[in-house]
Amino acid sequence: MTVELYLGDCLEILQGIDSDIADIVITSPPYNIKGGQHKPSGMLKEIPRNITRDWYEDDLSEEDYQIWLTSVVSELLRITRGLVWINHKVRYADRKAIHPARFLDFPLYSEVIWDRGGSITLNARKFAPSYEVIYGFGEPNYWHNDANKLMSVWRIAPTRSNGHPCAFPLQIPLRLINASCELGGTVLDPFMGSGTTGVACVQTGRNFIGIEIEPKYYEIAEARIAEAQLQIRMEI
């Protein structure tokens, strides 16, 4: 298997990549919940300072954020042969729900409800949100029917043990890879973070392309993926 890692702005890098370079995409973009003109509420009031200070500085206007993310997903669909899996959440501002499926206007093949099993938004004067959604945009070029038995609601606890405040639980990319990417295929993550998707690729025998804009997370991802590769070699 091969691993290619890029440090830089994902949209700029994606625009220079040829079509059909990846079989699937698995990623979770920044949610742009620190910026904007709205006062922090709910989750932002509950999150400890030692977590928020490690977040990306998301300071786009909502309009610019939607344009930017739409451009990213458009590029991902251009260069990917199969499904583009995007993990996102519904955000709330000014008594409106900002639903990703409303502005990411692409063909939607499948979606998974990620039940996080809890919430940190316990002061929001509403039922505390405890889920996110994983959208599968595009069309699959491969699908393993055994994955159908997983159903479309996954209760998986979040993790913060990998040096990143919003790291994927490893089980999420493992399930998506096994379901929609053939053995030996290539998975792309343009918001690599601490490299969990890359670790999942190593463990399942898939090639990986990762992009990360923040140097400290890039270094964490690089180290974690190298460690996973070493572990595989030791087991052979």
Protein backbone atom coordinates (compact mmCIF):
# COMPACT_ATOMS: atom_id res chain seq x y z
CA MET A 1 0.00 0.00 0.00
CA THR A 2 1.06 3.61 -0.49
CA VAL A 3 0.62 6.71 1.66
CA GLU A 4 0.80 10.26 0.27
CA LEU A 5 0.53 13.17 2.70
CA TYR A 6 0.22 16.84 1.79
CA LEU A 7 0.60 19.86 4.06
CA GLY A 8 -1.41 22.78 2.73
CA ASP A 9 -4.79 24.17 1.71
CA CYS A 10 -6.96 21.28 0.51
CA LEU A 11 -8.87 23.23 -2.16
CA GLU A 12 -5.66 24.44 -3.79
CA ILE A 13 -4.17 20.93 -3.70
CA LEU A 14 -7.35 19.24 -4.97
CA GLN A 15 -7.56 21.60 -7.94
CA GLY A 16 -4.15 20.31 -9.06
CA ILE A 17 -5.05 16.61 -8.81
CA ASP A 18 -6.13 14.51 -11.79
CA SER A 19 -9.59 12.96 -12.01
CA ASP A 20 -10.29 9.46 -10.65
CA ILE A 21 -7.28 9.43 -8.35
CA ALA A 22 -9.28 8.08 -5.40
CA ASP A 23 -11.90 5.37 -4.98
CA ILE A 24 -13.66 7.03 -2.05
CA VAL A 25 -13.36 10.06 0.20
CA ILE A 26 -13.84 9.92 3.97
CA THR A 27 -13.57 13.23 5.77
CA SER A 28 -14.98 15.65 8.31
CA PRO A 29 -14.48 19.35 7.45
CA PRO A 30 -14.31 22.13 10.03
CA TYR A 31 -17.84 23.23 10.93
CA ASN A 32 -17.24 26.99 11.05
CA ILE A 33 -18.87 27.25 14.47
CA LYS A 34 -16.40 29.68 16.04
CA GLY A 35 -16.77 32.44 13.50
CA GLY A 36 -19.70 34.44 12.23
CA GLN A 37 -21.67 37.17 13.93
CA HIS A 38 -23.48 34.99 16.46
CA LYS A 39 -22.72 34.91 20.17
CA PRO A 40 -21.45 31.56 21.46
CA SER A 41 -24.25 29.43 22.85
CA GLY A 42 -25.02 25.85 23.63
CA MET A 43 -22.02 23.75 22.75
CA LEU A 44 -19.56 26.64 22.58
CA LYS A 45 -20.42 27.72 26.12
CA GLU A 46 -19.99 24.18 27.39
CA ILE A 47 -16.68 23.33 25.72
CA PRO A 48 -13.68 23.79 28.06
CA ARG A 49 -11.13 26.40 27.07
CA ASN A 50 -8.38 23.80 26.70
CA ILE A 51 -10.41 22.27 23.84
CA THR A 52 -11.59 25.39 22.03
CA ARG A 53 -8.13 26.90 21.85
CA ASP A 54 -6.99 23.87 19.83
CA TRP A 55 -9.75 24.22 17.25
CA TYR A 56 -9.24 25.59 13.77
CA GLU A 57 -9.85 29.30 13.56
CA ASP A 58 -13.08 29.11 11.61
CA ASP A 59 -13.93 32.74 10.90
CA LEU A 60 -15.75 32.68 7.57
CA SER A 61 -19.15 34.24 7.12
CA GLU A 62 -21.85 31.61 6.69
CA GLU A 63 -22.23 32.49 3.01
CA ASP A 64 -18.49 32.21 2.36
CA TYR A 65 -18.28 28.97 4.33
CA GLN A 66 -21.03 27.35 2.26
CA ILE A 67 -19.44 28.50 -0.99
CA TRP A 68 -16.05 27.20 0.12
CA LEU A 69 -17.29 23.80 1.29
CA THR A 70 -19.42 23.38 -1.84
CA SER A 71 -16.30 24.05 -3.93
CA VAL A 72 -14.34 21.46 -1.96
CA VAL A 73 -17.01 18.77 -2.34
CA SER A 74 -17.32 19.55 -6.05
CA GLU A 75 -13.59 18.94 -6.47
CA LEU A 76 -13.81 15.73 -4.44
CA LEU A 77 -16.56 14.40 -6.67
CA ARG A 78 -14.46 15.27 -9.72
CA ILE A 79 -11.41 13.30 -8.62
CA THR A 80 -13.16 10.36 -6.96
CA ARG A 81 -14.47 7.25 -8.71
CA GLY A 82 -16.86 6.30 -5.90
CA LEU A 83 -18.60 7.79 -2.89
CA VAL A 84 -17.58 10.99 -1.13
CA TRP A 85 -18.37 10.51 2.56
CA ILE A 86 -18.71 13.84 4.40
CA ASN A 87 -19.29 13.93 8.16
CA HIS A 88 -21.05 17.12 9.23
CA LYS A 89 -23.62 18.33 11.73
CA VAL A 90 -26.68 20.51 11.69
CA ARG A 91 -25.81 23.92 13.12
CA TYR A 92 -28.29 26.40 14.59
CA ALA A 93 -28.17 30.20 14.36
CA ASP A 94 -30.86 32.89 14.59
CA ARG A 95 -33.57 30.26 15.08
CA LYS A 96 -32.63 28.57 11.83
CA ALA A 97 -31.23 25.11 11.23
CA ILE A 98 -28.26 25.17 8.85
CA HIS A 99 -28.54 21.71 7.34
CA PRO A 100 -25.57 20.57 5.20
CA ALA A 101 -27.84 18.73 2.75
CA ARG A 102 -29.55 22.03 1.94
CA PHE A 103 -26.45 23.73 0.60
CA LEU A 104 -24.38 20.73 -0.51
CA ASP A 105 -26.65 20.21 -3.50
CA PHE A 106 -25.10 17.04 -4.89
CA PRO A 107 -26.56 13.57 -5.61
CA LEU A 108 -26.95 11.83 -2.24
CA TYR A 109 -26.61 8.05 -2.33
CA SER A 110 -26.65 7.17 1.36
CA GLU A 111 -26.49 8.70 4.80
CA VAL A 112 -25.60 7.44 8.25
CA ILE A 113 -26.70 8.88 11.57
CA TRP A 114 -23.73 8.90 13.92
CA ASP A 115 -25.24 8.58 17.39
CA ARG A 116 -22.51 9.91 19.66
CA GLY A 117 -24.22 8.52 22.75
CA GLY A 118 -24.16 11.82 24.63
CA SER A 119 -23.95 15.58 24.31
CA ILE A 120 -22.04 18.55 25.67
CA THR A 121 -24.82 20.95 24.71
CA LEU A 122 -26.81 20.57 27.89
CA ASN A 123 -27.48 24.29 28.40
CA ALA A 124 -29.08 25.02 25.02
CA ARG A 125 -32.71 25.06 26.26
CA LYS A 126 -33.63 22.34 23.78
CA PHE A 127 -33.22 18.58 23.45
CA ALA A 128 -29.43 18.28 23.53
CA PRO A 129 -28.15 17.30 20.08
CA SER A 130 -26.27 14.03 20.24
CA TYR A 131 -25.78 13.04 16.63
CA GLU A 132 -24.01 13.97 13.43
CA VAL A 133 -24.63 12.78 9.88
CA ILE A 134 -22.30 11.08 7.44
CA TYR A 135 -23.42 11.86 3.88
CA GLY A 136 -22.44 9.63 0.98
CA PHE A 137 -22.45 11.87 -2.10
CA GLY A 138 -22.11 10.57 -5.64
CA GLU A 139 -22.38 6.97 -6.83
CA PRO A 140 -20.51 3.91 -5.54
CA ASN A 141 -18.12 2.08 -7.85
CA TYR A 142 -18.01 -0.72 -5.26
CA TRP A 143 -20.29 -1.86 -2.47
CA HIS A 144 -19.99 -4.84 -0.10
CA ASN A 145 -23.50 -6.04 0.70
CA ASP A 146 -22.46 -7.38 4.09
CA ALA A 147 -22.31 -3.73 5.17
CA ASN A 148 -26.08 -3.46 4.76
CA LYS A 149 -26.44 -5.27 8.09
CA LEU A 150 -24.85 -2.32 9.89
CA MET A 151 -28.07 -0.36 9.29
CA SER A 152 -28.01 3.44 9.06
CA VAL A 153 -27.72 4.47 12.73
CA TRP A 154 -24.33 3.86 14.35
CA ARG A 155 -23.84 4.38 18.07
CA ILE A 156 -20.13 5.05 18.40
CA ALA A 157 -18.59 7.07 21.22
CA PRO A 158 -16.43 10.05 20.17
CA THR A 159 -12.75 10.12 20.95
CA ARG A 160 -10.23 12.84 21.86
CA SER A 161 -7.26 10.59 22.48
CA ASN A 162 -5.30 11.29 19.29
CA GLY A 163 -4.06 14.84 19.82
CA HIS A 164 -7.00 16.41 17.98
CA PRO A 165 -10.10 17.84 19.71
CA CYS A 166 -12.55 16.47 17.11
CA ALA A 167 -10.93 13.22 16.03
CA PHE A 168 -12.90 10.53 14.23
CA PRO A 169 -13.48 7.31 16.15
CA LEU A 170 -11.51 4.70 14.21
CA GLN A 171 -14.61 2.54 13.77
CA ILE A 172 -16.24 5.09 11.45
CA PRO A 173 -13.63 5.05 8.64
CA LEU A 174 -13.16 1.30 9.10
CA ARG A 175 -16.85 0.69 8.37
CA LEU A 176 -16.96 3.09 5.42
CA ILE A 177 -13.81 1.65 3.88
CA ASN A 178 -14.90 -1.96 4.17
CA ALA A 179 -18.32 -1.09 2.74
CA SER A 180 -17.37 1.04 -0.25
CA CYS A 181 -13.70 0.61 -1.19
CA GLU A 182 -12.19 -2.55 -2.63
CA LEU A 183 -9.08 -4.08 -1.13
CA GLY A 184 -6.10 -2.24 -2.59
CA GLY A 185 -8.17 0.83 -3.46
CA THR A 186 -7.34 4.44 -2.58
CA VAL A 187 -8.99 6.57 0.11
CA LEU A 188 -8.65 10.37 0.24
CA ASP A 189 -9.11 12.56 3.31
CA PRO A 190 -8.70 16.28 2.52
CA PHE A 191 -9.18 17.27 6.19
CA MET A 192 -6.84 14.65 7.61
CA GLY A 193 -6.61 15.99 11.15
CA SER A 194 -4.78 13.48 13.34
CA GLY A 195 -4.81 10.85 10.59
CA THR A 196 -7.47 8.41 11.77
CA THR A 197 -8.67 7.68 8.22
CA GLY A 198 -5.07 6.98 7.24
CA VAL A 199 -4.65 4.55 10.14
CA ALA A 200 -7.83 2.78 9.06
CA CYS A 201 -6.43 2.47 5.52
CA VAL A 202 -3.22 0.91 6.81
CA GLN A 203 -5.17 -1.58 8.89
CA THR A 204 -7.41 -2.58 5.98
CA GLY A 205 -4.90 -2.68 3.12
CA ARG A 206 -5.99 0.45 1.26
CA ASN A 207 -3.86 3.23 -0.16
CA PHE A 208 -4.22 6.65 1.46
CA ILE A 209 -3.95 10.27 0.37
CA GLY A 210 -4.20 12.80 3.19
CA ILE A 211 -4.23 16.59 3.19
CA GLU A 212 -3.96 18.79 6.28
CA ILE A 213 -3.50 22.55 6.58
CA GLU A 214 -2.43 22.73 10.24
CA PRO A 215 1.22 21.70 10.77
CA LYS A 216 0.75 20.36 14.31
CA TYR A 217 -2.02 18.00 13.23
CA TYR A 218 -0.07 17.01 10.11
CA GLU A 219 2.82 15.92 12.31
CA ILE A 220 0.50 13.93 14.57
CA ALA A 221 -1.08 12.22 11.56
CA GLU A 222 2.30 11.45 10.01
CA ALA A 223 3.48 9.82 13.24
CA ARG A 224 0.28 7.83 13.81
CA ILE A 225 0.20 6.48 10.26
CA ALA A 226 3.89 5.53 10.42
CA GLU A 227 3.24 3.73 13.70
CA ALA A 228 0.33 1.84 12.15
CA GLN A 229 2.52 0.80 9.20
CA LEU A 230 5.23 -0.43 11.58
CA GLN A 231 2.66 -2.45 13.51
CA ILE A 232 1.49 -4.13 10.30
CA ARG A 233 5.07 -5.01 9.33
CA MET A 234 5.68 -6.51 12.76
CA GLU A 235 2.59 -8.69 12.42
CA ILE A 236 3.61 -10.11 9.03
